[in-house]
């Protein structure tokens, strides 16, 4: 049985950068706090916990003083930086450069929109850490839309500026863009450049994985998609695999493997989300190679 790990799977640059910063900081032997899970993968969080990384929430941050706190790749709203300054907290800022650039774009767009009674709209998952950081650039006034039903909250008589969470679906973004354009035309009779400014801010390192996984899942009899259950990116990418290969299974680790999946199987493909560590996919691969599959 051939077992192949998808070379395009695993950490995106932002997550890899954040984990490297955390490990480098902890080499000194001092403990380090992290605001929220550094990555949506419980096994990696456990590995880093053993090295001294402690996960906290915003409520806990308010009560901390004179310590170091890591900001993960998702980025943070301005209020987090103010709180750190007030509490003499040293921030280890591992915000993804792509996210930081987007935060600046959203802030600039919000300032301009405010002058013309416009609306900043963000296509993303409500409550997601990145979206919280983006909305923070608008003093919390950005309208968050997850699907078409959320578009009812927009005022189509006023200018609209649209951005996307960096890890959302390209297809989903352009579908929402087209719907907004149609609704503006219905409201105003025509669409002018000043009415709507759509910004495709999706990270291509992430979005390119969909076509890559489409081919990878078609090239194997069985697909093992390794991801933490809290990863929205993982659920979306597993859906791509499942659509192209019905024998695609979502697992968190090798303990969830079932022998029946591998009957009459000649090739197994192992892949994962942007939050899946390569060491975990390699461990799953090693376990599959050692399986004794009944005939």
C-alpha atoms as a PDB file:
ATOM      1  CA  UNK A   1       0.000   0.000   0.000  1.00  0.00           C
ATOM      2  CA  UNK A   2       1.420   3.363  -1.090  1.00  0.00           C
ATOM      3  CA  UNK A   3       1.177   6.149   1.508  1.00  0.00           C
ATOM      4  CA  UNK A   4       1.786   9.744   0.375  1.00  0.00           C
ATOM      5  CA  UNK A   5       1.710  12.988   2.351  1.00  0.00           C
ATOM      6  CA  UNK A   6       0.506  16.030   0.422  1.00  0.00           C
ATOM      7  CA  UNK A   7       3.520  18.329   0.130  1.00  0.00           C
ATOM      8  CA  UNK A   8       1.238  21.401  -0.003  1.00  0.00           C
ATOM      9  CA  UNK A   9      -0.515  20.628   3.292  1.00  0.00           C
ATOM     10  CA  UNK A  10       0.470  21.800   6.741  1.00  0.00           C
ATOM     11  CA  UNK A  11       1.181  25.164   8.249  1.00  0.00           C
ATOM     12  CA  UNK A  12       0.783  28.327   6.256  1.00  0.00           C
ATOM     13  CA  UNK A  13       3.561  30.897   6.677  1.00  0.00           C
ATOM     14  CA  UNK A  14       1.704  32.862   9.362  1.00  0.00           C
ATOM     15  CA  UNK A  15       1.134  29.883  11.666  1.00  0.00           C
ATOM     16  CA  UNK A  16       4.667  28.550  11.177  1.00  0.00           C
ATOM     17  CA  UNK A  17       6.053  32.016  11.989  1.00  0.00           C
ATOM     18  CA  UNK A  18       3.976  32.288  15.196  1.00  0.00           C
ATOM     19  CA  UNK A  19       5.018  28.863  16.478  1.00  0.00           C
ATOM     20  CA  UNK A  20       8.689  29.561  15.747  1.00  0.00           C
ATOM     21  CA  UNK A  21       8.453  32.845  17.683  1.00  0.00           C
ATOM     22  CA  UNK A  22       6.828  31.077  20.627  1.00  0.00           C
ATOM     23  CA  UNK A  23       9.471  28.335  20.715  1.00  0.00           C
ATOM     24  CA  UNK A  24      12.311  30.846  20.430  1.00  0.00           C
ATOM     25  CA  UNK A  25      10.884  32.914  23.273  1.00  0.00           C
ATOM     26  CA  UNK A  26      10.473  29.860  25.522  1.00  0.00           C
ATOM     27  CA  UNK A  27      14.079  28.737  25.006  1.00  0.00           C
ATOM     28  CA  UNK A  28      15.027  31.200  27.745  1.00  0.00           C
ATOM     29  CA  UNK A  29      13.170  28.980  30.215  1.00  0.00           C
ATOM     30  CA  UNK A  30      10.609  31.636  31.093  1.00  0.00           C
ATOM     31  CA  UNK A  31       6.910  30.904  30.712  1.00  0.00           C
ATOM     32  CA  UNK A  32       4.937  32.559  27.951  1.00  0.00           C
ATOM     33  CA  UNK A  33       1.243  33.371  27.687  1.00  0.00           C
ATOM     34  CA  UNK A  34      -0.642  33.187  24.392  1.00  0.00           C
ATOM     35  CA  UNK A  35      -3.867  35.054  23.768  1.00  0.00           C
ATOM     36  CA  UNK A  36      -6.102  32.272  22.439  1.00  0.00           C
ATOM     37  CA  UNK A  37      -5.011  28.938  20.943  1.00  0.00           C
ATOM     38  CA  UNK A  38      -1.844  29.566  18.949  1.00  0.00           C
ATOM     39  CA  UNK A  39      -3.205  27.130  16.355  1.00  0.00           C
ATOM     40  CA  UNK A  40      -6.506  25.255  15.986  1.00  0.00           C
ATOM     41  CA  UNK A  41      -4.940  21.897  16.712  1.00  0.00           C
ATOM     42  CA  UNK A  42      -5.168  20.413  20.212  1.00  0.00           C
ATOM     43  CA  UNK A  43      -2.160  18.133  19.784  1.00  0.00           C
ATOM     44  CA  UNK A  44       0.129  20.989  18.809  1.00  0.00           C
ATOM     45  CA  UNK A  45      -1.268  23.129  21.625  1.00  0.00           C
ATOM     46  CA  UNK A  46      -0.481  20.273  24.044  1.00  0.00           C
ATOM     47  CA  UNK A  47       3.060  19.945  22.688  1.00  0.00           C
ATOM     48  CA  UNK A  48       3.712  23.661  23.212  1.00  0.00           C
ATOM     49  CA  UNK A  49       2.032  23.581  26.633  1.00  0.00           C
ATOM     50  CA  UNK A  50       4.663  21.056  27.718  1.00  0.00           C
ATOM     51  CA  UNK A  51       7.297  23.628  26.727  1.00  0.00           C
ATOM     52  CA  UNK A  52       5.698  26.350  28.856  1.00  0.00           C
ATOM     53  CA  UNK A  53       3.095  28.037  26.632  1.00  0.00           C
ATOM     54  CA  UNK A  54      -0.073  28.928  28.544  1.00  0.00           C
ATOM     55  CA  UNK A  55      -3.282  29.820  26.713  1.00  0.00           C
ATOM     56  CA  UNK A  56      -5.341  32.701  28.107  1.00  0.00           C
ATOM     57  CA  UNK A  57      -8.450  34.595  27.049  1.00  0.00           C
ATOM     58  CA  UNK A  58      -9.072  38.347  26.982  1.00  0.00           C
ATOM     59  CA  UNK A  59     -10.595  38.314  30.461  1.00  0.00           C
ATOM     60  CA  UNK A  60      -7.422  36.767  31.872  1.00  0.00           C
ATOM     61  CA  UNK A  61      -5.327  39.313  29.980  1.00  0.00           C
ATOM     62  CA  UNK A  62      -7.012  42.140  31.886  1.00  0.00           C
ATOM     63  CA  UNK A  63      -5.704  40.692  35.154  1.00  0.00           C
ATOM     64  CA  UNK A  64      -2.115  40.075  34.052  1.00  0.00           C
ATOM     65  CA  UNK A  65       0.755  42.409  34.880  1.00  0.00           C
ATOM     66  CA  UNK A  66       4.489  42.541  34.115  1.00  0.00           C
ATOM     67  CA  UNK A  67       4.704  39.472  31.867  1.00  0.00           C
ATOM     68  CA  UNK A  68       5.067  38.401  28.230  1.00  0.00           C
ATOM     69  CA  UNK A  69       2.100  37.591  25.996  1.00  0.00           C
ATOM     70  CA  UNK A  70       2.225  36.238  22.446  1.00  0.00           C
ATOM     71  CA  UNK A  71      -0.181  37.567  19.840  1.00  0.00           C
ATOM     72  CA  UNK A  72      -0.870  34.727  17.426  1.00  0.00           C
ATOM     73  CA  UNK A  73      -1.045  34.903  13.631  1.00  0.00           C
ATOM     74  CA  UNK A  74      -4.712  35.968  13.591  1.00  0.00           C
ATOM     75  CA  UNK A  75      -3.816  39.449  14.841  1.00  0.00           C
ATOM     76  CA  UNK A  76      -5.575  41.558  17.472  1.00  0.00           C
ATOM     77  CA  UNK A  77      -7.717  44.729  17.674  1.00  0.00           C
ATOM     78  CA  UNK A  78      -6.185  48.029  18.899  1.00  0.00           C
ATOM     79  CA  UNK A  79      -7.723  47.626  22.355  1.00  0.00           C
ATOM     80  CA  UNK A  80      -5.429  44.641  23.060  1.00  0.00           C
ATOM     81  CA  UNK A  81      -2.326  46.761  22.514  1.00  0.00           C
ATOM     82  CA  UNK A  82      -3.716  49.498  24.762  1.00  0.00           C
ATOM     83  CA  UNK A  83      -4.465  46.982  27.513  1.00  0.00           C
ATOM     84  CA  UNK A  84      -0.937  45.595  27.280  1.00  0.00           C
ATOM     85  CA  UNK A  85       0.523  49.085  27.585  1.00  0.00           C
ATOM     86  CA  UNK A  86      -1.631  49.870  30.620  1.00  0.00           C
ATOM     87  CA  UNK A  87      -0.649  46.597  32.339  1.00  0.00           C
ATOM     88  CA  UNK A  88       3.079  46.735  31.515  1.00  0.00           C
ATOM     89  CA  UNK A  89       2.779  43.584  29.392  1.00  0.00           C
ATOM     90  CA  UNK A  90       5.450  42.868  26.787  1.00  0.00           C
ATOM     91  CA  UNK A  91       3.750  41.700  23.605  1.00  0.00           C
ATOM     92  CA  UNK A  92       5.487  39.180  21.365  1.00  0.00           C
ATOM     93  CA  UNK A  93       3.667  40.087  18.172  1.00  0.00           C
ATOM     94  CA  UNK A  94       3.428  37.108  15.819  1.00  0.00           C
ATOM     95  CA  UNK A  95       0.594  38.557  13.751  1.00  0.00           C
ATOM     96  CA  UNK A  96       0.749  37.267  10.185  1.00  0.00           C
ATOM     97  CA  UNK A  97       2.133  39.990   7.867  1.00  0.00           C
ATOM     98  CA  UNK A  98      -0.755  39.340   5.472  1.00  0.00           C
ATOM     99  CA  UNK A  99      -3.254  39.966   8.279  1.00  0.00           C
ATOM    100  CA  UNK A 100      -1.442  43.109   9.464  1.00  0.00           C
ATOM    101  CA  UNK A 101      -1.519  44.533   5.946  1.00  0.00           C
ATOM    102  CA  UNK A 102      -5.232  43.783   5.739  1.00  0.00           C
ATOM    103  CA  UNK A 103      -5.862  45.465   9.098  1.00  0.00           C
ATOM    104  CA  UNK A 104      -4.236  48.625   7.742  1.00  0.00           C
ATOM    105  CA  UNK A 105      -6.364  48.472   4.586  1.00  0.00           C
ATOM    106  CA  UNK A 106      -9.539  48.066   6.625  1.00  0.00           C
ATOM    107  CA  UNK A 107      -8.595  50.996   8.889  1.00  0.00           C
ATOM    108  CA  UNK A 108      -7.908  53.230   5.879  1.00  0.00           C
ATOM    109  CA  UNK A 109     -11.170  52.164   4.208  1.00  0.00           C
ATOM    110  CA  UNK A 110     -13.125  52.816   7.402  1.00  0.00           C
ATOM    111  CA  UNK A 111     -11.703  56.333   7.714  1.00  0.00           C
ATOM    112  CA  UNK A 112     -12.656  57.116   4.102  1.00  0.00           C
ATOM    113  CA  UNK A 113     -16.094  55.469   4.403  1.00  0.00           C
ATOM    114  CA  UNK A 114     -16.867  57.521   7.497  1.00  0.00           C
ATOM    115  CA  UNK A 115     -16.576  60.683   5.398  1.00  0.00           C
ATOM    116  CA  UNK A 116     -19.338  59.563   3.004  1.00  0.00           C
ATOM    117  CA  UNK A 117     -21.614  57.652   5.415  1.00  0.00           C
ATOM    118  CA  UNK A 118     -20.327  54.373   3.987  1.00  0.00           C
ATOM    119  CA  UNK A 119     -20.260  50.845   5.395  1.00  0.00           C
ATOM    120  CA  UNK A 120     -17.325  48.477   5.846  1.00  0.00           C
ATOM    121  CA  UNK A 121     -18.378  44.868   5.352  1.00  0.00           C
ATOM    122  CA  UNK A 122     -16.215  41.854   6.226  1.00  0.00           C
ATOM    123  CA  UNK A 123     -16.915  38.411   4.784  1.00  0.00           C
ATOM    124  CA  UNK A 124     -15.878  36.072   7.591  1.00  0.00           C
ATOM    125  CA  UNK A 125     -16.834  33.923  10.533  1.00  0.00           C
ATOM    126  CA  UNK A 126     -18.406  35.908  13.361  1.00  0.00           C
ATOM    127  CA  UNK A 127     -16.283  35.713  16.496  1.00  0.00           C
ATOM    128  CA  UNK A 128     -13.231  34.373  14.648  1.00  0.00           C
ATOM    129  CA  UNK A 129     -10.036  35.873  16.069  1.00  0.00           C
ATOM    130  CA  UNK A 130      -8.944  37.398  12.751  1.00  0.00           C
ATOM    131  CA  UNK A 131     -12.375  38.937  12.200  1.00  0.00           C
ATOM    132  CA  UNK A 132     -12.345  40.407  15.723  1.00  0.00           C
ATOM    133  CA  UNK A 133      -9.021  42.046  14.904  1.00  0.00           C
ATOM    134  CA  UNK A 134     -10.286  43.406  11.581  1.00  0.00           C
ATOM    135  CA  UNK A 135     -13.511  44.746  13.076  1.00  0.00           C
ATOM    136  CA  UNK A 136     -11.436  46.432  15.755  1.00  0.00           C
ATOM    137  CA  UNK A 137      -9.951  48.679  13.064  1.00  0.00           C
ATOM    138  CA  UNK A 138     -13.458  50.091  12.533  1.00  0.00           C
ATOM    139  CA  UNK A 139     -14.277  50.723  16.212  1.00  0.00           C
ATOM    140  CA  UNK A 140     -16.487  47.625  16.002  1.00  0.00           C
ATOM    141  CA  UNK A 141     -18.728  49.175  13.335  1.00  0.00           C
ATOM    142  CA  UNK A 142     -17.892  46.730  10.520  1.00  0.00           C
ATOM    143  CA  UNK A 143     -20.770  44.525   9.387  1.00  0.00           C
ATOM    144  CA  UNK A 144     -19.778  40.846   9.470  1.00  0.00           C
ATOM    145  CA  UNK A 145     -21.393  38.617   6.861  1.00  0.00           C
ATOM    146  CA  UNK A 146     -21.000  34.851   6.749  1.00  0.00           C
ATOM    147  CA  UNK A 147     -23.520  33.981   4.044  1.00  0.00           C
ATOM    148  CA  UNK A 148     -26.146  35.568   1.813  1.00  0.00           C
ATOM    149  CA  UNK A 149     -28.752  35.746   4.588  1.00  0.00           C
ATOM    150  CA  UNK A 150     -26.535  38.247   6.446  1.00  0.00           C
ATOM    151  CA  UNK A 151     -26.680  40.682   3.534  1.00  0.00           C
ATOM    152  CA  UNK A 152     -30.123  41.865   4.674  1.00  0.00           C
ATOM    153  CA  UNK A 153     -28.338  43.968   7.313  1.00  0.00           C
ATOM    154  CA  UNK A 154     -26.720  46.201   4.668  1.00  0.00           C
ATOM    155  CA  UNK A 155     -28.138  49.556   3.535  1.00  0.00           C
ATOM    156  CA  UNK A 156     -27.860  49.509  -0.255  1.00  0.00           C
ATOM    157  CA  UNK A 157     -28.545  53.208  -0.572  1.00  0.00           C
ATOM    158  CA  UNK A 158     -25.165  53.905   1.088  1.00  0.00           C
ATOM    159  CA  UNK A 159     -21.622  53.157  -0.190  1.00  0.00           C
ATOM    160  CA  UNK A 160     -20.228  49.708   0.670  1.00  0.00           C
ATOM    161  CA  UNK A 161     -16.617  48.557   1.006  1.00  0.00           C
ATOM    162  CA  UNK A 162     -16.173  44.779   1.124  1.00  0.00           C
ATOM    163  CA  UNK A 163     -13.209  42.813   2.495  1.00  0.00           C
ATOM    164  CA  UNK A 164     -12.709  39.134   3.322  1.00  0.00           C
ATOM    165  CA  UNK A 165     -11.176  37.210   6.184  1.00  0.00           C
ATOM    166  CA  UNK A 166      -7.934  35.887   4.677  1.00  0.00           C
ATOM    167  CA  UNK A 167      -8.879  32.203   5.032  1.00  0.00           C
ATOM    168  CA  UNK A 168     -12.373  32.307   3.526  1.00  0.00           C
ATOM    169  CA  UNK A 169     -13.459  30.655   0.290  1.00  0.00           C
ATOM    170  CA  UNK A 170     -12.721  32.561  -2.934  1.00  0.00           C
ATOM    171  CA  UNK A 171     -15.888  31.133  -4.452  1.00  0.00           C
ATOM    172  CA  UNK A 172     -17.934  32.324  -1.479  1.00  0.00           C
ATOM    173  CA  UNK A 173     -16.440  35.823  -1.662  1.00  0.00           C
ATOM    174  CA  UNK A 174     -17.273  36.325  -5.329  1.00  0.00           C
ATOM    175  CA  UNK A 175     -20.771  34.937  -4.850  1.00  0.00           C
ATOM    176  CA  UNK A 176     -21.421  37.552  -2.128  1.00  0.00           C
ATOM    177  CA  UNK A 177     -19.845  40.257  -4.287  1.00  0.00           C
ATOM    178  CA  UNK A 178     -22.233  39.469  -7.162  1.00  0.00           C
ATOM    179  CA  UNK A 179     -25.260  39.459  -4.838  1.00  0.00           C
ATOM    180  CA  UNK A 180     -24.319  42.849  -3.360  1.00  0.00           C
ATOM    181  CA  UNK A 181     -23.920  44.294  -6.863  1.00  0.00           C
ATOM    182  CA  UNK A 182     -27.372  42.995  -7.840  1.00  0.00           C
ATOM    183  CA  UNK A 183     -28.949  44.506  -4.727  1.00  0.00           C
ATOM    184  CA  UNK A 184     -27.332  47.897  -5.329  1.00  0.00           C
ATOM    185  CA  UNK A 185     -28.696  47.892  -8.881  1.00  0.00           C
ATOM    186  CA  UNK A 186     -32.145  47.024  -7.541  1.00  0.00           C
ATOM    187  CA  UNK A 187     -31.895  49.901  -5.054  1.00  0.00           C
ATOM    188  CA  UNK A 188     -30.344  52.562  -7.320  1.00  0.00           C
ATOM    189  CA  UNK A 189     -31.098  51.371 -10.835  1.00  0.00           C
ATOM    190  CA  UNK A 190     -27.387  51.201 -11.740  1.00  0.00           C
ATOM    191  CA  UNK A 191     -23.994  50.522 -10.183  1.00  0.00           C
ATOM    192  CA  UNK A 192     -21.318  53.232  -9.908  1.00  0.00           C
ATOM    193  CA  UNK A 193     -17.722  52.801  -8.763  1.00  0.00           C
ATOM    194  CA  UNK A 194     -18.403  54.948  -5.693  1.00  0.00           C
ATOM    195  CA  UNK A 195     -21.286  52.681  -4.650  1.00  0.00           C
ATOM    196  CA  UNK A 196     -19.257  49.535  -4.103  1.00  0.00           C
ATOM    197  CA  UNK A 197     -15.575  48.697  -3.603  1.00  0.00           C
ATOM    198  CA  UNK A 198     -14.913  44.941  -3.372  1.00  0.00           C
ATOM    199  CA  UNK A 199     -11.483  43.879  -2.100  1.00  0.00           C
ATOM    200  CA  UNK A 200     -10.466  40.241  -2.542  1.00  0.00           C
ATOM    201  CA  UNK A 201      -8.245  39.977   0.544  1.00  0.00           C
ATOM    202  CA  UNK A 202      -8.093  36.171   0.659  1.00  0.00           C
ATOM    203  CA  UNK A 203      -4.606  34.729   1.198  1.00  0.00           C
ATOM    204  CA  UNK A 204      -3.618  32.858  -1.952  1.00  0.00           C
ATOM    205  CA  UNK A 205      -1.359  30.509  -0.007  1.00  0.00           C
ATOM    206  CA  UNK A 206      -4.581  29.281   1.591  1.00  0.00           C
ATOM    207  CA  UNK A 207      -7.029  29.550  -1.321  1.00  0.00           C
ATOM    208  CA  UNK A 208      -4.677  27.733  -3.724  1.00  0.00           C
ATOM    209  CA  UNK A 209      -4.972  24.631  -1.570  1.00  0.00           C
ATOM    210  CA  UNK A 210      -8.478  23.935  -2.846  1.00  0.00           C
ATOM    211  CA  UNK A 211      -7.432  23.103  -6.444  1.00  0.00           C
ATOM    212  CA  UNK A 212      -4.314  21.330  -5.152  1.00  0.00           C
ATOM    213  CA  UNK A 213      -6.408  19.129  -2.845  1.00  0.00           C
ATOM    214  CA  UNK A 214      -8.911  18.446  -5.613  1.00  0.00           C
ATOM    215  CA  UNK A 215      -6.212  16.720  -7.652  1.00  0.00           C
ATOM    216  CA  UNK A 216      -4.555  15.065  -4.641  1.00  0.00           C
ATOM    217  CA  UNK A 217      -7.804  13.511  -3.428  1.00  0.00           C
ATOM    218  CA  UNK A 218      -8.548  12.147  -6.909  1.00  0.00           C
ATOM    219  CA  UNK A 219      -5.134  10.508  -7.121  1.00  0.00           C
ATOM    220  CA  UNK A 220      -5.659   8.169  -4.134  1.00  0.00           C
ATOM    221  CA  UNK A 221      -8.091   5.424  -3.108  1.00  0.00           C
ATOM    222  CA  UNK A 222      -8.390   6.721   0.461  1.00  0.00           C
ATOM    223  CA  UNK A 223      -7.808  10.218   1.837  1.00  0.00           C
ATOM    224  CA  UNK A 224      -6.988  10.870   5.495  1.00  0.00           C
ATOM    225  CA  UNK A 225      -7.549  14.521   6.294  1.00  0.00           C
ATOM    226  CA  UNK A 226      -5.759  15.372   9.545  1.00  0.00           C
ATOM    227  CA  UNK A 227      -7.017  18.425  11.391  1.00  0.00           C
ATOM    228  CA  UNK A 228      -8.205  19.780  14.694  1.00  0.00           C
ATOM    229  CA  UNK A 229     -11.985  19.799  14.985  1.00  0.00           C
ATOM    230  CA  UNK A 230     -11.951  23.524  15.863  1.00  0.00           C
ATOM    231  CA  UNK A 231     -10.355  24.470  12.545  1.00  0.00           C
ATOM    232  CA  UNK A 232     -12.852  26.085  10.144  1.00  0.00           C
ATOM    233  CA  UNK A 233     -10.179  25.909   7.451  1.00  0.00           C
ATOM    234  CA  UNK A 234      -9.902  22.179   8.140  1.00  0.00           C
ATOM    235  CA  UNK A 235     -13.627  21.577   7.745  1.00  0.00           C
ATOM    236  CA  UNK A 236     -13.692  23.523   4.488  1.00  0.00           C
ATOM    237  CA  UNK A 237     -10.702  21.724   2.980  1.00  0.00           C
ATOM    238  CA  UNK A 238     -11.969  18.318   4.087  1.00  0.00           C
ATOM    239  CA  UNK A 239     -15.171  19.183   2.227  1.00  0.00           C
ATOM    240  CA  UNK A 240     -13.102  19.668  -0.942  1.00  0.00           C
ATOM    241  CA  UNK A 241     -11.557  16.219  -0.476  1.00  0.00           C
ATOM    242  CA  UNK A 242     -14.922  14.587   0.246  1.00  0.00           C
ATOM    243  CA  UNK A 243     -16.493  16.121  -2.863  1.00  0.00           C
ATOM    244  CA  UNK A 244     -13.771  14.604  -5.034  1.00  0.00           C
ATOM    245  CA  UNK A 245     -13.242  11.337  -3.167  1.00  0.00           C
ATOM    246  CA  UNK A 246     -16.061   9.823  -1.062  1.00  0.00           C
ATOM    247  CA  UNK A 247     -13.466   7.748   0.808  1.00  0.00           C
ATOM    248  CA  UNK A 248     -12.114  10.834   2.584  1.00  0.00           C
ATOM    249  CA  UNK A 249     -11.978  10.679   6.376  1.00  0.00           C
ATOM    250  CA  UNK A 250     -11.526  13.538   8.864  1.00  0.00           C
ATOM    251  CA  UNK A 251      -9.276  12.522  11.775  1.00  0.00           C
ATOM    252  CA  UNK A 252      -7.450  14.366  14.564  1.00  0.00           C
ATOM    253  CA  UNK A 253      -4.786  11.711  14.994  1.00  0.00           C
ATOM    254  CA  UNK A 254      -3.857   8.086  14.253  1.00  0.00           C
ATOM    255  CA  UNK A 255      -6.010   6.756  17.106  1.00  0.00           C
ATOM    256  CA  UNK A 256      -9.123   7.447  15.036  1.00  0.00           C
ATOM    257  CA  UNK A 257      -8.124   5.196  12.112  1.00  0.00           C
ATOM    258  CA  UNK A 258     -10.394   2.264  11.247  1.00  0.00           C
ATOM    259  CA  UNK A 259      -9.083  -0.823   9.462  1.00  0.00           C
ATOM    260  CA  UNK A 260     -12.189  -1.158   7.288  1.00  0.00           C
ATOM    261  CA  UNK A 261     -11.268   2.058   5.494  1.00  0.00           C
ATOM    262  CA  UNK A 262      -8.268   0.350   3.894  1.00  0.00           C
ATOM    263  CA  UNK A 263      -9.790  -2.833   2.470  1.00  0.00           C
ATOM    264  CA  UNK A 264      -8.795  -3.236  -1.208  1.00  0.00           C
ATOM    265  CA  UNK A 265      -6.873   0.021  -0.929  1.00  0.00           C
ATOM    266  CA  UNK A 266      -3.706   0.487  -2.977  1.00  0.00           C
ATOM    267  CA  UNK A 267      -2.907   4.128  -2.215  1.00  0.00           C
ATOM    268  CA  UNK A 268      -3.537   6.410   0.754  1.00  0.00           C
ATOM    269  CA  UNK A 269      -3.191  10.185   0.620  1.00  0.00           C
ATOM    270  CA  UNK A 270      -2.607  12.127   3.843  1.00  0.00           C
ATOM    271  CA  UNK A 271      -3.275  15.852   3.940  1.00  0.00           C
ATOM    272  CA  UNK A 272      -4.330  18.537   6.374  1.00  0.00           C
ATOM    273  CA  UNK A 273      -5.320  22.098   7.166  1.00  0.00           C
ATOM    274  CA  UNK A 274      -3.181  25.223   7.462  1.00  0.00           C
ATOM    275  CA  UNK A 275      -3.184  24.480  11.197  1.00  0.00           C
ATOM    276  CA  UNK A 276      -2.000  20.863  10.909  1.00  0.00           C
ATOM    277  CA  UNK A 277       1.646  20.234  11.873  1.00  0.00           C
ATOM    278  CA  UNK A 278       3.719  18.137   9.497  1.00  0.00           C
ATOM    279  CA  UNK A 279       4.961  15.971  12.383  1.00  0.00           C
ATOM    280  CA  UNK A 280       1.371  14.854  13.004  1.00  0.00           C
ATOM    281  CA  UNK A 281       0.741  13.915   9.357  1.00  0.00           C
ATOM    282  CA  UNK A 282       4.046  12.005   9.347  1.00  0.00           C
ATOM    283  CA  UNK A 283       3.001  10.136  12.495  1.00  0.00           C
ATOM    284  CA  UNK A 284      -0.311   9.169  10.874  1.00  0.00           C
ATOM    285  CA  UNK A 285       1.550   8.010   7.754  1.00  0.00           C
ATOM    286  CA  UNK A 286       3.909   5.860   9.810  1.00  0.00           C
ATOM    287  CA  UNK A 287       0.962   4.298  11.617  1.00  0.00           C
ATOM    288  CA  UNK A 288      -0.858   3.515   8.355  1.00  0.00           C
ATOM    289  CA  UNK A 289       2.251   1.835   6.939  1.00  0.00           C
ATOM    290  CA  UNK A 290       2.277  -0.467   9.971  1.00  0.00           C
ATOM    291  CA  UNK A 291      -1.385  -1.520   9.725  1.00  0.00           C
ATOM    292  CA  UNK A 292      -2.300  -5.125   9.072  1.00  0.00           C
ATOM    293  CA  UNK A 293      -5.401  -4.769   6.941  1.00  0.00           C
ATOM    294  CA  UNK A 294      -7.595  -7.900   6.769  1.00  0.00           C
ATOM    295  CA  UNK A 295      -8.361  -9.232   3.305  1.00  0.00           C
END
